[in-house]
């Protein structure tokens, strides 16, 4: 599981260093490969290989005759980029994903349980400010029972 919020910057080759807590977990769990793809709300999703394969299985079981499933799968999988962490703890963000998420220089890397999200700092700040006011209301609706 991934947790936390971390501010980092892209280098001149569009690489970003993952947070040290994430690098430690990657080493402990011997994670060799990640998949980066288009996320929701203008961010990137990053999954460890085992989590990616679980989601891939679920999405590939959707009927290709269903328009929304077909469109979602097309956009989701066409954006996928297989990556490994280099010896400095960095990953490359390809231009097409950087453009999708409107990533400039500063990025916010957040842990969201089974995935890591990568946001442009301005987009994250905007998302956070728009949604933090409703946090209690969301909690009430989600945990109502």
C-alpha atoms as a PDB file:
ATOM      1  CA  UNK A   1       0.000   0.000   0.000  1.00  0.00           C
ATOM      2  CA  UNK A   2       1.154   3.494  -0.903  1.00  0.00           C
ATOM      3  CA  UNK A   3       0.525   6.496   1.359  1.00  0.00           C
ATOM      4  CA  UNK A   4       1.535  10.126   1.654  1.00  0.00           C
ATOM      5  CA  UNK A   5       2.021  13.295  -0.357  1.00  0.00           C
ATOM      6  CA  UNK A   6       5.434  14.371  -1.653  1.00  0.00           C
ATOM      7  CA  UNK A   7       6.655  17.322  -3.713  1.00  0.00           C
ATOM      8  CA  UNK A   8       9.323  16.625  -6.354  1.00  0.00           C
ATOM      9  CA  UNK A   9      10.606  18.160  -9.596  1.00  0.00           C
ATOM     10  CA  UNK A  10      11.178  16.765 -13.059  1.00  0.00           C
ATOM     11  CA  UNK A  11      14.730  16.899 -14.306  1.00  0.00           C
ATOM     12  CA  UNK A  12      15.690  18.080 -17.808  1.00  0.00           C
ATOM     13  CA  UNK A  13      15.098  14.546 -19.192  1.00  0.00           C
ATOM     14  CA  UNK A  14      11.534  14.304 -17.782  1.00  0.00           C
ATOM     15  CA  UNK A  15      12.549  11.991 -14.940  1.00  0.00           C
ATOM     16  CA  UNK A  16      11.315  12.264 -11.389  1.00  0.00           C
ATOM     17  CA  UNK A  17      12.787  10.768  -8.238  1.00  0.00           C
ATOM     18  CA  UNK A  18      10.288   8.714  -6.291  1.00  0.00           C
ATOM     19  CA  UNK A  19       9.914   9.484  -2.573  1.00  0.00           C
ATOM     20  CA  UNK A  20      12.407   7.646  -0.354  1.00  0.00           C
ATOM     21  CA  UNK A  21       9.589   5.827   1.500  1.00  0.00           C
ATOM     22  CA  UNK A  22       8.350   4.483  -1.830  1.00  0.00           C
ATOM     23  CA  UNK A  23      11.860   3.457  -2.892  1.00  0.00           C
ATOM     24  CA  UNK A  24      12.299   1.623   0.402  1.00  0.00           C
ATOM     25  CA  UNK A  25       9.032  -0.270  -0.098  1.00  0.00           C
ATOM     26  CA  UNK A  26       9.989  -1.090  -3.715  1.00  0.00           C
ATOM     27  CA  UNK A  27      13.250  -2.577  -2.471  1.00  0.00           C
ATOM     28  CA  UNK A  28      11.615  -4.512   0.392  1.00  0.00           C
ATOM     29  CA  UNK A  29       8.916  -5.964  -1.841  1.00  0.00           C
ATOM     30  CA  UNK A  30      11.349  -6.561  -4.725  1.00  0.00           C
ATOM     31  CA  UNK A  31       9.128  -4.703  -7.192  1.00  0.00           C
ATOM     32  CA  UNK A  32      10.841  -4.764 -10.566  1.00  0.00           C
ATOM     33  CA  UNK A  33       8.331  -3.114 -12.875  1.00  0.00           C
ATOM     34  CA  UNK A  34       5.676  -0.395 -12.845  1.00  0.00           C
ATOM     35  CA  UNK A  35       3.017   0.679 -15.297  1.00  0.00           C
ATOM     36  CA  UNK A  36       2.249   4.344 -15.770  1.00  0.00           C
ATOM     37  CA  UNK A  37      -0.946   5.391 -17.562  1.00  0.00           C
ATOM     38  CA  UNK A  38      -3.564   8.085 -17.941  1.00  0.00           C
ATOM     39  CA  UNK A  39      -5.447   8.560 -14.707  1.00  0.00           C
ATOM     40  CA  UNK A  40      -8.568  10.472 -13.817  1.00  0.00           C
ATOM     41  CA  UNK A  41      -8.867  14.162 -12.950  1.00  0.00           C
ATOM     42  CA  UNK A  42      -5.789  14.955 -15.071  1.00  0.00           C
ATOM     43  CA  UNK A  43      -3.242  12.898 -13.144  1.00  0.00           C
ATOM     44  CA  UNK A  44      -1.169   9.820 -13.943  1.00  0.00           C
ATOM     45  CA  UNK A  45      -1.731   6.432 -12.343  1.00  0.00           C
ATOM     46  CA  UNK A  46       1.266   4.265 -11.536  1.00  0.00           C
ATOM     47  CA  UNK A  47       0.832   0.617 -10.545  1.00  0.00           C
ATOM     48  CA  UNK A  48       3.296  -2.021  -9.420  1.00  0.00           C
ATOM     49  CA  UNK A  49       3.202  -4.941 -11.847  1.00  0.00           C
ATOM     50  CA  UNK A  50       1.096  -7.238  -9.609  1.00  0.00           C
ATOM     51  CA  UNK A  51      -1.566  -4.540  -9.140  1.00  0.00           C
ATOM     52  CA  UNK A  52      -1.506  -3.669 -12.839  1.00  0.00           C
ATOM     53  CA  UNK A  53      -2.098  -7.314 -13.784  1.00  0.00           C
ATOM     54  CA  UNK A  54      -5.062  -7.538 -11.390  1.00  0.00           C
ATOM     55  CA  UNK A  55      -6.682  -4.449 -12.925  1.00  0.00           C
ATOM     56  CA  UNK A  56      -5.815  -5.587 -16.444  1.00  0.00           C
ATOM     57  CA  UNK A  57      -7.617  -8.878 -15.821  1.00  0.00           C
ATOM     58  CA  UNK A  58     -10.709  -7.094 -14.549  1.00  0.00           C
ATOM     59  CA  UNK A  59     -10.810  -4.589 -17.418  1.00  0.00           C
ATOM     60  CA  UNK A  60     -10.139  -7.200 -20.080  1.00  0.00           C
ATOM     61  CA  UNK A  61     -13.144  -9.175 -18.824  1.00  0.00           C
ATOM     62  CA  UNK A  62     -15.453  -6.308 -19.809  1.00  0.00           C
ATOM     63  CA  UNK A  63     -17.358  -6.922 -23.025  1.00  0.00           C
ATOM     64  CA  UNK A  64     -15.820  -5.152 -26.003  1.00  0.00           C
ATOM     65  CA  UNK A  65     -19.353  -4.806 -27.378  1.00  0.00           C
ATOM     66  CA  UNK A  66     -20.147  -2.257 -24.638  1.00  0.00           C
ATOM     67  CA  UNK A  67     -19.318   1.209 -25.928  1.00  0.00           C
ATOM     68  CA  UNK A  68     -18.141   2.758 -22.616  1.00  0.00           C
ATOM     69  CA  UNK A  69     -16.000  -0.273 -21.730  1.00  0.00           C
ATOM     70  CA  UNK A  70     -14.418  -0.252 -25.182  1.00  0.00           C
ATOM     71  CA  UNK A  71     -13.676   3.472 -25.082  1.00  0.00           C
ATOM     72  CA  UNK A  72     -12.293   3.356 -21.534  1.00  0.00           C
ATOM     73  CA  UNK A  73     -10.043   0.366 -22.271  1.00  0.00           C
ATOM     74  CA  UNK A  74      -8.808   1.989 -25.460  1.00  0.00           C
ATOM     75  CA  UNK A  75      -7.767   5.193 -23.692  1.00  0.00           C
ATOM     76  CA  UNK A  76      -6.465   3.460 -20.572  1.00  0.00           C
ATOM     77  CA  UNK A  77      -4.307   0.798 -22.223  1.00  0.00           C
ATOM     78  CA  UNK A  78      -3.094   2.932 -25.131  1.00  0.00           C
ATOM     79  CA  UNK A  79      -1.630   5.299 -22.550  1.00  0.00           C
ATOM     80  CA  UNK A  80       0.210   2.577 -20.673  1.00  0.00           C
ATOM     81  CA  UNK A  81       3.979   2.848 -20.329  1.00  0.00           C
ATOM     82  CA  UNK A  82       6.038   0.069 -18.756  1.00  0.00           C
ATOM     83  CA  UNK A  83       8.860   1.431 -16.638  1.00  0.00           C
ATOM     84  CA  UNK A  84      11.542   0.412 -14.181  1.00  0.00           C
ATOM     85  CA  UNK A  85      13.098   2.471 -11.429  1.00  0.00           C
ATOM     86  CA  UNK A  86      16.671   3.434 -12.287  1.00  0.00           C
ATOM     87  CA  UNK A  87      19.594   3.219  -9.855  1.00  0.00           C
ATOM     88  CA  UNK A  88      18.886   6.780  -8.626  1.00  0.00           C
ATOM     89  CA  UNK A  89      15.237   5.963  -7.835  1.00  0.00           C
ATOM     90  CA  UNK A  90      13.884   7.815 -10.855  1.00  0.00           C
ATOM     91  CA  UNK A  91      11.229   7.046 -13.450  1.00  0.00           C
ATOM     92  CA  UNK A  92      10.838   8.609 -16.867  1.00  0.00           C
ATOM     93  CA  UNK A  93       7.539  10.274 -17.680  1.00  0.00           C
ATOM     94  CA  UNK A  94       7.053  10.094 -21.455  1.00  0.00           C
ATOM     95  CA  UNK A  95       5.992  13.296 -23.218  1.00  0.00           C
ATOM     96  CA  UNK A  96       2.504  12.044 -24.147  1.00  0.00           C
ATOM     97  CA  UNK A  97       1.725  11.321 -20.482  1.00  0.00           C
ATOM     98  CA  UNK A  98       3.364  14.534 -19.330  1.00  0.00           C
ATOM     99  CA  UNK A  99       1.163  16.435 -21.798  1.00  0.00           C
ATOM    100  CA  UNK A 100      -1.963  14.545 -20.732  1.00  0.00           C
ATOM    101  CA  UNK A 101      -1.445  15.469 -17.070  1.00  0.00           C
ATOM    102  CA  UNK A 102      -0.225  18.984 -18.005  1.00  0.00           C
ATOM    103  CA  UNK A 103       2.907  18.381 -15.979  1.00  0.00           C
ATOM    104  CA  UNK A 104       5.388  21.214 -15.994  1.00  0.00           C
ATOM    105  CA  UNK A 105       8.319  21.147 -13.566  1.00  0.00           C
ATOM    106  CA  UNK A 106       6.964  20.528 -10.070  1.00  0.00           C
ATOM    107  CA  UNK A 107       4.977  17.383  -9.402  1.00  0.00           C
ATOM    108  CA  UNK A 108       3.117  16.022  -6.415  1.00  0.00           C
ATOM    109  CA  UNK A 109       3.405  12.278  -5.914  1.00  0.00           C
ATOM    110  CA  UNK A 110       0.706  10.779  -3.744  1.00  0.00           C
ATOM    111  CA  UNK A 111       0.080   7.289  -2.460  1.00  0.00           C
ATOM    112  CA  UNK A 112      -3.522   6.158  -2.905  1.00  0.00           C
ATOM    113  CA  UNK A 113      -3.627   2.643  -1.468  1.00  0.00           C
ATOM    114  CA  UNK A 114      -2.896   0.315  -4.423  1.00  0.00           C
ATOM    115  CA  UNK A 115      -1.609   3.012  -6.772  1.00  0.00           C
ATOM    116  CA  UNK A 116       0.668   6.010  -6.936  1.00  0.00           C
ATOM    117  CA  UNK A 117      -0.649   9.170  -8.557  1.00  0.00           C
ATOM    118  CA  UNK A 118       1.527  11.813 -10.181  1.00  0.00           C
ATOM    119  CA  UNK A 119       0.075  15.304 -10.490  1.00  0.00           C
ATOM    120  CA  UNK A 120       1.287  18.624 -11.782  1.00  0.00           C
ATOM    121  CA  UNK A 121       1.643  20.699  -8.589  1.00  0.00           C
ATOM    122  CA  UNK A 122      -0.768  23.400  -9.761  1.00  0.00           C
ATOM    123  CA  UNK A 123      -3.398  20.792 -10.729  1.00  0.00           C
ATOM    124  CA  UNK A 124      -3.034  19.006  -7.385  1.00  0.00           C
ATOM    125  CA  UNK A 125      -3.334  22.262  -5.418  1.00  0.00           C
ATOM    126  CA  UNK A 126      -6.447  23.171  -7.401  1.00  0.00           C
ATOM    127  CA  UNK A 127      -7.993  19.697  -6.918  1.00  0.00           C
ATOM    128  CA  UNK A 128      -7.190  19.720  -3.206  1.00  0.00           C
ATOM    129  CA  UNK A 129      -8.673  23.168  -2.597  1.00  0.00           C
ATOM    130  CA  UNK A 130     -11.853  22.340  -4.527  1.00  0.00           C
ATOM    131  CA  UNK A 131     -12.431  19.053  -2.696  1.00  0.00           C
ATOM    132  CA  UNK A 132     -11.082  19.424   0.845  1.00  0.00           C
ATOM    133  CA  UNK A 133     -14.178  21.383   1.902  1.00  0.00           C
ATOM    134  CA  UNK A 134     -16.350  18.359   1.087  1.00  0.00           C
ATOM    135  CA  UNK A 135     -14.125  15.792   2.805  1.00  0.00           C
ATOM    136  CA  UNK A 136     -16.426  15.328   5.800  1.00  0.00           C
ATOM    137  CA  UNK A 137     -19.510  15.066   3.591  1.00  0.00           C
ATOM    138  CA  UNK A 138     -17.793  12.493   1.360  1.00  0.00           C
ATOM    139  CA  UNK A 139     -16.797  10.490   4.441  1.00  0.00           C
ATOM    140  CA  UNK A 140     -20.359  10.544   5.723  1.00  0.00           C
ATOM    141  CA  UNK A 141     -21.723   9.295   2.377  1.00  0.00           C
ATOM    142  CA  UNK A 142     -19.075   6.603   1.966  1.00  0.00           C
ATOM    143  CA  UNK A 143     -19.181   5.223   5.504  1.00  0.00           C
ATOM    144  CA  UNK A 144     -22.916   5.499   6.024  1.00  0.00           C
ATOM    145  CA  UNK A 145     -24.305   2.151   6.901  1.00  0.00           C
END
